[in-house]
Amino acid sequence: MDWPGVSEDNNVVAWLILGYLCSHPDAKDTVDGVGKWWMHCEGVEVDTDAVRAALDYLVERRWLISIEGYSGFRLYRLNQERRLVLRQFLQSQSRYH
């Protein structure tokens, strides 16, 4: 997935986020939580700015939804309307790699 205006690092982070959500479609977390738990689960250390940039881009592309949590923190989760499309998209991309 080559996204104009997105650095290669953010591109990788976005891929990892989408992959994580494909396996955990009901997950939701803050920027810090995504970096600490979702990325760490993949064995990747990512700085908060890269995670935030990737999350914001995925929200713009409607893959994710951003909501304000009870404590004022912004939570990110999969746009459930695109759940099936995400699974199909990631499966089709894995055939080429």
C-alpha atoms as a PDB file:
ATOM      1  CA  MET A   1       0.000   0.000   0.000  1.00  0.00           C
ATOM      2  CA  ASP A   2       1.775   3.115  -1.189  1.00  0.00           C
ATOM      3  CA  TRP A   3       0.237   6.272   0.217  1.00  0.00           C
ATOM      4  CA  PRO A   4       1.225   9.686  -1.148  1.00  0.00           C
ATOM      5  CA  GLY A   5       2.342  12.068   1.572  1.00  0.00           C
ATOM      6  CA  VAL A   6       2.993   9.301   4.074  1.00  0.00           C
ATOM      7  CA  SER A   7       6.575   8.461   5.023  1.00  0.00           C
ATOM      8  CA  GLU A   8       7.798   4.912   4.626  1.00  0.00           C
ATOM      9  CA  ASP A   9       7.928   4.510   8.423  1.00  0.00           C
ATOM     10  CA  ASN A  10       4.328   5.660   8.786  1.00  0.00           C
ATOM     11  CA  ASN A  11       3.341   3.369   5.936  1.00  0.00           C
ATOM     12  CA  VAL A  12       4.797   0.393   7.827  1.00  0.00           C
ATOM     13  CA  VAL A  13       3.090   1.467  11.048  1.00  0.00           C
ATOM     14  CA  ALA A  14      -0.245   1.826   9.228  1.00  0.00           C
ATOM     15  CA  TRP A  15       0.149  -1.693   7.792  1.00  0.00           C
ATOM     16  CA  LEU A  16       0.874  -3.068  11.249  1.00  0.00           C
ATOM     17  CA  ILE A  17      -2.149  -1.294  12.722  1.00  0.00           C
ATOM     18  CA  LEU A  18      -4.437  -2.670  10.022  1.00  0.00           C
ATOM     19  CA  GLY A  19      -2.974  -6.139  10.457  1.00  0.00           C
ATOM     20  CA  TYR A  20      -3.509  -5.984  14.203  1.00  0.00           C
ATOM     21  CA  LEU A  21      -7.110  -4.859  13.718  1.00  0.00           C
ATOM     22  CA  CYS A  22      -7.748  -7.630  11.232  1.00  0.00           C
ATOM     23  CA  SER A  23      -6.881 -10.103  14.012  1.00  0.00           C
ATOM     24  CA  HIS A  24      -8.482  -8.002  16.796  1.00  0.00           C
ATOM     25  CA  PRO A  25     -11.397  -6.177  15.123  1.00  0.00           C
ATOM     26  CA  ASP A  26     -12.976  -5.029  18.386  1.00  0.00           C
ATOM     27  CA  ALA A  27      -9.792  -3.457  19.774  1.00  0.00           C
ATOM     28  CA  LYS A  28      -9.659   0.221  20.614  1.00  0.00           C
ATOM     29  CA  ASP A  29      -6.946   2.254  22.275  1.00  0.00           C
ATOM     30  CA  THR A  30      -5.179   5.600  22.567  1.00  0.00           C
ATOM     31  CA  VAL A  31      -2.105   6.615  20.577  1.00  0.00           C
ATOM     32  CA  ASP A  32       0.093   5.538  23.494  1.00  0.00           C
ATOM     33  CA  GLY A  33      -1.761   2.256  23.887  1.00  0.00           C
ATOM     34  CA  VAL A  34      -1.504   1.458  20.196  1.00  0.00           C
ATOM     35  CA  GLY A  35       2.242   2.050  20.322  1.00  0.00           C
ATOM     36  CA  LYS A  36       2.758   0.151  23.551  1.00  0.00           C
ATOM     37  CA  TRP A  37       0.403  -2.807  23.082  1.00  0.00           C
ATOM     38  CA  TRP A  38      -0.472  -3.206  19.414  1.00  0.00           C
ATOM     39  CA  MET A  39       2.994  -2.529  18.036  1.00  0.00           C
ATOM     40  CA  HIS A  40       4.788  -4.313  20.870  1.00  0.00           C
ATOM     41  CA  CYS A  41       2.603  -7.360  20.117  1.00  0.00           C
ATOM     42  CA  GLU A  42       4.145  -7.293  16.625  1.00  0.00           C
ATOM     43  CA  GLY A  43       7.647  -6.994  18.110  1.00  0.00           C
ATOM     44  CA  VAL A  44       8.064  -3.430  16.862  1.00  0.00           C
ATOM     45  CA  GLU A  45       9.144  -0.340  18.794  1.00  0.00           C
ATOM     46  CA  VAL A  46       7.566   2.796  17.309  1.00  0.00           C
ATOM     47  CA  ASP A  47       7.679   6.388  18.493  1.00  0.00           C
ATOM     48  CA  THR A  48       4.448   8.120  19.404  1.00  0.00           C
ATOM     49  CA  ASP A  49       4.618  10.630  16.535  1.00  0.00           C
ATOM     50  CA  ALA A  50       4.800   7.825  13.944  1.00  0.00           C
ATOM     51  CA  VAL A  51       1.855   6.041  15.570  1.00  0.00           C
ATOM     52  CA  ARG A  52      -0.190   9.262  15.693  1.00  0.00           C
ATOM     53  CA  ALA A  53       0.568  10.081  12.038  1.00  0.00           C
ATOM     54  CA  ALA A  54      -0.398   6.574  10.907  1.00  0.00           C
ATOM     55  CA  LEU A  55      -3.605   6.612  12.980  1.00  0.00           C
ATOM     56  CA  ASP A  56      -4.606  10.035  11.666  1.00  0.00           C
ATOM     57  CA  TYR A  57      -3.997   8.904   8.107  1.00  0.00           C
ATOM     58  CA  LEU A  58      -6.087   5.771   8.617  1.00  0.00           C
ATOM     59  CA  VAL A  59      -8.895   7.909  10.055  1.00  0.00           C
ATOM     60  CA  GLU A  60      -8.722  10.165   6.974  1.00  0.00           C
ATOM     61  CA  ARG A  61      -8.985   7.083   4.752  1.00  0.00           C
ATOM     62  CA  ARG A  62     -11.962   5.855   6.837  1.00  0.00           C
ATOM     63  CA  TRP A  63     -10.241   2.621   7.918  1.00  0.00           C
ATOM     64  CA  LEU A  64     -10.422   3.810  11.537  1.00  0.00           C
ATOM     65  CA  ILE A  65     -12.778   5.867  13.648  1.00  0.00           C
ATOM     66  CA  SER A  66     -11.510   8.277  16.282  1.00  0.00           C
ATOM     67  CA  ILE A  67     -13.688   8.869  19.345  1.00  0.00           C
ATOM     68  CA  GLU A  68     -13.181  10.839  22.527  1.00  0.00           C
ATOM     69  CA  GLY A  69     -13.003   8.575  25.576  1.00  0.00           C
ATOM     70  CA  TYR A  70     -14.341   9.242  29.050  1.00  0.00           C
ATOM     71  CA  SER A  71     -11.096  10.699  30.336  1.00  0.00           C
ATOM     72  CA  GLY A  72     -10.654  13.057  27.384  1.00  0.00           C
ATOM     73  CA  PHE A  73      -8.238  10.749  25.584  1.00  0.00           C
ATOM     74  CA  ARG A  74      -8.853  10.044  21.927  1.00  0.00           C
ATOM     75  CA  LEU A  75      -9.511   6.370  21.170  1.00  0.00           C
ATOM     76  CA  TYR A  76      -9.003   4.719  17.810  1.00  0.00           C
ATOM     77  CA  ARG A  77     -10.876   1.688  16.561  1.00  0.00           C
ATOM     78  CA  LEU A  78     -11.663  -0.091  13.337  1.00  0.00           C
ATOM     79  CA  ASN A  79     -14.474   1.354  11.252  1.00  0.00           C
ATOM     80  CA  GLN A  80     -16.740  -1.702  11.515  1.00  0.00           C
ATOM     81  CA  GLU A  81     -18.406  -0.824   8.201  1.00  0.00           C
ATOM     82  CA  ARG A  82     -15.077  -1.621   6.537  1.00  0.00           C
ATOM     83  CA  ARG A  83     -14.235  -4.772   8.497  1.00  0.00           C
ATOM     84  CA  LEU A  84     -14.922  -7.217   5.660  1.00  0.00           C
ATOM     85  CA  VAL A  85     -13.237  -4.942   3.117  1.00  0.00           C
ATOM     86  CA  LEU A  86     -10.142  -4.769   5.346  1.00  0.00           C
ATOM     87  CA  ARG A  87      -9.900  -8.542   5.612  1.00  0.00           C
ATOM     88  CA  GLN A  88     -10.303  -8.955   1.843  1.00  0.00           C
ATOM     89  CA  PHE A  89      -7.803  -6.170   1.155  1.00  0.00           C
ATOM     90  CA  LEU A  90      -5.118  -7.563   3.445  1.00  0.00           C
ATOM     91  CA  GLN A  91      -5.614 -11.085   2.082  1.00  0.00           C
ATOM     92  CA  SER A  92      -5.262  -9.840  -1.492  1.00  0.00           C
ATOM     93  CA  GLN A  93      -2.099  -7.889  -0.602  1.00  0.00           C
ATOM     94  CA  SER A  94      -0.503 -10.871   1.131  1.00  0.00           C
ATOM     95  CA  ARG A  95      -0.764 -12.884  -2.087  1.00  0.00           C
ATOM     96  CA  TYR A  96       1.660 -10.502  -3.768  1.00  0.00           C
ATOM     97  CA  HIS A  97       4.308 -10.453  -1.007  1.00  0.00           C
END
